[in-house]
Amino acid sequence: MECTGRALSFWAYQTSQEDVFQRQTVKKMTAQLKTMERRHQSAISEVIEEKETLQERFQAQILDYSDLRRKYEELGKLYKDKCRRLN
């Protein structure tokens, strides 16, 4: 009987220690997960911000291109008119 009592006490001790270990493991993993989620959200925010910046720059480049194209077309017309007048 005494042996059985010791075995049950040891089992209870092991079980409680395993429970403490599992709780600590869950706590540690939860903290790591939260850290990773924050990093992930930060990375997503940076990518979105960079995308918006690039889109703005792209739109500005399109406007610059349109302006330059219009100016070159006007210069081309003026050049053709001048050539016709000289000939």
N, C-alpha and C. Protein backbone atom coordinates (compact mmCIF):
# COMPACT_ATOMS: atom_id res chain seq x y z
N MET A 1 0.81 -1.19 0.00
CA MET A 1 0.00 0.00 0.00
C MET A 1 0.87 1.27 0.00
N GLU A 2 1.93 1.20 0.79
CA GLU A 2 2.80 2.36 0.87
C GLU A 2 3.45 2.65 -0.49
N CYS A 3 3.80 1.61 -1.20
CA CYS A 3 4.41 1.75 -2.53
C CYS A 3 3.42 2.40 -3.49
N THR A 4 2.18 1.98 -3.42
CA THR A 4 1.14 2.54 -4.29
C THR A 4 0.95 4.02 -3.97
N GLY A 5 0.95 4.37 -2.71
CA GLY A 5 0.80 5.77 -2.30
C GLY A 5 1.95 6.62 -2.82
N ARG A 6 3.17 6.10 -2.72
CA ARG A 6 4.32 6.83 -3.24
C ARG A 6 4.24 6.98 -4.76
N ALA A 7 3.80 5.94 -5.42
CA ALA A 7 3.67 5.99 -6.89
C ALA A 7 2.64 7.04 -7.29
N LEU A 8 1.51 7.07 -6.59
CA LEU A 8 0.48 8.07 -6.90
C LEU A 8 0.99 9.48 -6.60
N SER A 9 1.73 9.63 -5.51
CA SER A 9 2.29 10.95 -5.18
C SER A 9 3.28 11.39 -6.26
N PHE A 10 4.12 10.47 -6.69
CA PHE A 10 5.08 10.79 -7.75
C PHE A 10 4.37 11.14 -9.05
N TRP A 11 3.33 10.38 -9.37
CA TRP A 11 2.56 10.65 -10.59
C TRP A 11 1.91 12.03 -10.51
N ALA A 12 1.34 12.36 -9.33
CA ALA A 12 0.72 13.67 -9.15
C ALA A 12 1.76 14.77 -9.29
N TYR A 13 2.94 14.55 -8.74
CA TYR A 13 4.03 15.53 -8.85
C TYR A 13 4.43 15.72 -10.32
N GLN A 14 4.62 14.61 -11.02
CA GLN A 14 4.99 14.69 -12.44
C GLN A 14 3.91 15.39 -13.24
N THR A 15 2.67 15.07 -12.95
CA THR A 15 1.55 15.68 -13.68
C THR A 15 1.52 17.19 -13.43
N SER A 16 1.71 17.60 -12.17
CA SER A 16 1.70 19.03 -11.88
C SER A 16 2.89 19.73 -12.54
N GLN A 17 4.04 19.09 -12.54
CA GLN A 17 5.21 19.67 -13.20
C GLN A 17 5.01 19.77 -14.71
N GLU A 18 4.40 18.75 -15.28
CA GLU A 18 4.10 18.78 -16.72
C GLU A 18 3.12 19.90 -17.03
N ASP A 19 2.14 20.10 -16.15
CA ASP A 19 1.16 21.17 -16.34
C ASP A 19 1.86 22.53 -16.30
N VAL A 20 2.75 22.72 -15.34
CA VAL A 20 3.50 23.98 -15.24
C VAL A 20 4.34 24.18 -16.50
N PHE A 21 5.01 23.13 -16.93
CA PHE A 21 5.83 23.21 -18.13
C PHE A 21 4.99 23.57 -19.35
N GLN A 22 3.85 22.92 -19.50
CA GLN A 22 2.98 23.19 -20.65
C GLN A 22 2.46 24.62 -20.61
N ARG A 23 2.09 25.10 -19.44
CA ARG A 23 1.61 26.49 -19.32
C ARG A 23 2.72 27.48 -19.70
N GLN A 24 3.93 27.23 -19.23
CA GLN A 24 5.05 28.10 -19.57
C GLN A 24 5.35 28.06 -21.07
N THR A 25 5.25 26.87 -21.64
CA THR A 25 5.49 26.73 -23.07
C THR A 25 4.44 27.50 -23.86
N VAL A 26 3.18 27.37 -23.45
CA VAL A 26 2.10 28.10 -24.13
C VAL A 26 2.30 29.60 -23.98
N LYS A 27 2.68 30.05 -22.78
CA LYS A 27 2.91 31.47 -22.54
C LYS A 27 4.04 31.99 -23.43
N LYS A 28 5.12 31.24 -23.50
CA LYS A 28 6.27 31.63 -24.33
C LYS A 28 5.89 31.66 -25.81
N MET A 29 5.19 30.64 -26.26
CA MET A 29 4.79 30.57 -27.67
C MET A 29 3.80 31.69 -28.01
N THR A 30 2.91 32.00 -27.08
CA THR A 30 1.95 33.09 -27.31
C THR A 30 2.69 34.42 -27.44
N ALA A 31 3.67 34.64 -26.59
CA ALA A 31 4.46 35.87 -26.67
C ALA A 31 5.21 35.94 -28.00
N GLN A 32 5.79 34.82 -28.43
CA GLN A 32 6.49 34.79 -29.71
C GLN A 32 5.53 35.05 -30.86
N LEU A 33 4.34 34.48 -30.77
CA LEU A 33 3.35 34.67 -31.82
C LEU A 33 2.94 36.14 -31.91
N LYS A 34 2.72 36.77 -30.76
CA LYS A 34 2.35 38.19 -30.76
C LYS A 34 3.46 39.04 -31.36
N THR A 35 4.70 38.72 -31.01
CA THR A 35 5.84 39.45 -31.57
C THR A 35 5.89 39.28 -33.09
N MET A 36 5.70 38.05 -33.53
CA MET A 36 5.72 37.79 -34.97
C MET A 36 4.56 38.49 -35.67
N GLU A 37 3.39 38.52 -35.05
CA GLU A 37 2.24 39.21 -35.65
C GLU A 37 2.52 40.70 -35.78
N ARG A 38 3.13 41.30 -34.73
CA ARG A 38 3.46 42.73 -34.80
C ARG A 38 4.45 42.99 -35.93
N ARG A 39 5.46 42.13 -36.04
CA ARG A 39 6.45 42.30 -37.12
C ARG A 39 5.79 42.14 -38.48
N HIS A 40 4.91 41.17 -38.57
CA HIS A 40 4.21 40.92 -39.83
C HIS A 40 3.35 42.13 -40.20
N GLN A 41 2.59 42.65 -39.24
CA GLN A 41 1.76 43.82 -39.51
C GLN A 41 2.61 45.03 -39.88
N SER A 42 3.75 45.17 -39.22
CA SER A 42 4.65 46.27 -39.53
C SER A 42 5.18 46.14 -40.95
N ALA A 43 5.56 44.92 -41.32
CA ALA A 43 6.06 44.69 -42.68
C ALA A 43 4.98 44.96 -43.71
N ILE A 44 3.76 44.53 -43.42
CA ILE A 44 2.64 44.78 -44.34
C ILE A 44 2.42 46.28 -44.49
N SER A 45 2.43 47.00 -43.37
CA SER A 45 2.24 48.45 -43.41
C SER A 45 3.33 49.12 -44.25
N GLU A 46 4.57 48.68 -44.07
CA GLU A 46 5.67 49.25 -44.84
C GLU A 46 5.49 48.98 -46.33
N VAL A 47 5.08 47.78 -46.67
CA VAL A 47 4.89 47.43 -48.08
C VAL A 47 3.75 48.25 -48.68
N ILE A 48 2.67 48.41 -47.93
CA ILE A 48 1.54 49.20 -48.42
C ILE A 48 1.97 50.65 -48.61
N GLU A 49 2.70 51.18 -47.64
CA GLU A 49 3.18 52.56 -47.74
C GLU A 49 4.11 52.74 -48.94
N GLU A 50 5.01 51.79 -49.13
CA GLU A 50 5.93 51.86 -50.27
C GLU A 50 5.16 51.76 -51.58
N LYS A 51 4.16 50.89 -51.63
CA LYS A 51 3.34 50.75 -52.83
C LYS A 51 2.65 52.06 -53.16
N GLU A 52 2.07 52.70 -52.13
CA GLU A 52 1.38 53.97 -52.36
C GLU A 52 2.36 55.04 -52.84
N THR A 53 3.54 55.07 -52.24
CA THR A 53 4.56 56.03 -52.66
C THR A 53 4.95 55.80 -54.12
N LEU A 54 5.15 54.54 -54.47
CA LEU A 54 5.52 54.22 -55.85
C LEU A 54 4.39 54.56 -56.82
N GLN A 55 3.15 54.33 -56.40
CA GLN A 55 2.02 54.69 -57.27
C GLN A 55 1.97 56.19 -57.49
N GLU A 56 2.22 56.97 -56.41
CA GLU A 56 2.23 58.42 -56.55
C GLU A 56 3.35 58.87 -57.49
N ARG A 57 4.52 58.28 -57.30
CA ARG A 57 5.64 58.62 -58.18
C ARG A 57 5.34 58.25 -59.62
N PHE A 58 4.71 57.10 -59.80
CA PHE A 58 4.36 56.65 -61.15
C PHE A 58 3.37 57.62 -61.79
N GLN A 59 2.37 58.04 -61.04
CA GLN A 59 1.39 58.99 -61.58
C GLN A 59 2.07 60.31 -61.93
N ALA A 60 3.01 60.75 -61.09
CA ALA A 60 3.75 61.98 -61.39
C ALA A 60 4.58 61.81 -62.66
N GLN A 61 5.18 60.64 -62.83
CA GLN A 61 5.96 60.37 -64.04
C GLN A 61 5.07 60.37 -65.28
N ILE A 62 3.87 59.83 -65.14
CA ILE A 62 2.93 59.83 -66.27
C ILE A 62 2.58 61.26 -66.65
N LEU A 63 2.32 62.10 -65.66
CA LEU A 63 2.01 63.50 -65.94
C LEU A 63 3.20 64.21 -66.59
N ASP A 64 4.39 63.97 -66.06
CA ASP A 64 5.59 64.57 -66.66
C ASP A 64 5.77 64.10 -68.10
N TYR A 65 5.55 62.82 -68.33
CA TYR A 65 5.68 62.26 -69.67
C TYR A 65 4.66 62.92 -70.61
N SER A 66 3.43 63.07 -70.13
CA SER A 66 2.40 63.69 -70.97
C SER A 66 2.77 65.13 -71.30
N ASP A 67 3.26 65.87 -70.30
CA ASP A 67 3.67 67.25 -70.55
C ASP A 67 4.82 67.32 -71.55
N LEU A 68 5.82 66.48 -71.36
CA LEU A 68 6.95 66.47 -72.29
C LEU A 68 6.52 66.08 -73.69
N ARG A 69 5.66 65.11 -73.78
CA ARG A 69 5.19 64.67 -75.10
C ARG A 69 4.45 65.81 -75.80
N ARG A 70 3.59 66.50 -75.05
CA ARG A 70 2.85 67.62 -75.61
C ARG A 70 3.82 68.71 -76.07
N LYS A 71 4.83 69.01 -75.26
CA LYS A 71 5.80 70.04 -75.62
C LYS A 71 6.58 69.65 -76.88
N TYR A 72 7.00 68.39 -76.96
CA TYR A 72 7.74 67.94 -78.14
C TYR A 72 6.86 67.95 -79.38
N GLU A 73 5.59 67.62 -79.23
CA GLU A 73 4.68 67.70 -80.37
C GLU A 73 4.52 69.13 -80.84
N GLU A 74 4.40 70.06 -79.88
CA GLU A 74 4.29 71.48 -80.24
C GLU A 74 5.57 71.95 -80.93
N LEU A 75 6.71 71.56 -80.38
CA LEU A 75 7.98 71.94 -81.00
C LEU A 75 8.11 71.34 -82.39
N GLY A 76 7.65 70.10 -82.55
CA GLY A 76 7.68 69.46 -83.86
C GLY A 76 6.82 70.22 -84.86
N LYS A 77 5.63 70.63 -84.44
CA LYS A 77 4.75 71.40 -85.33
C LYS A 77 5.38 72.74 -85.68
N LEU A 78 5.94 73.41 -84.66
CA LEU A 78 6.59 74.69 -84.92
C LEU A 78 7.76 74.53 -85.89
N TYR A 79 8.52 73.46 -85.72
CA TYR A 79 9.65 73.20 -86.60
C TYR A 79 9.18 72.95 -88.03
N LYS A 80 8.12 72.16 -88.18
CA LYS A 80 7.59 71.90 -89.52
C LYS A 80 7.09 73.18 -90.16
N ASP A 81 6.39 74.01 -89.37
CA ASP A 81 5.89 75.28 -89.91
C ASP A 81 7.05 76.18 -90.34
N LYS A 82 8.08 76.23 -89.53
CA LYS A 82 9.23 77.06 -89.85
C LYS A 82 9.93 76.56 -91.11
N CYS A 83 10.05 75.23 -91.23
CA CYS A 83 10.68 74.65 -92.42
C CYS A 83 9.85 74.97 -93.66
N ARG A 84 8.53 74.90 -93.56
CA ARG A 84 7.68 75.21 -94.71
C ARG A 84 7.83 76.67 -95.12
N ARG A 85 7.91 77.55 -94.13
CA ARG A 85 8.04 78.97 -94.44
C ARG A 85 9.39 79.28 -95.09
N LEU A 86 10.41 78.55 -94.67
CA LEU A 86 11.73 78.80 -95.23
C LEU A 86 11.85 78.23 -96.65
N ASN A 87 11.10 77.21 -96.97
CA ASN A 87 11.19 76.60 -98.30
C ASN A 87 10.29 77.26 -99.24
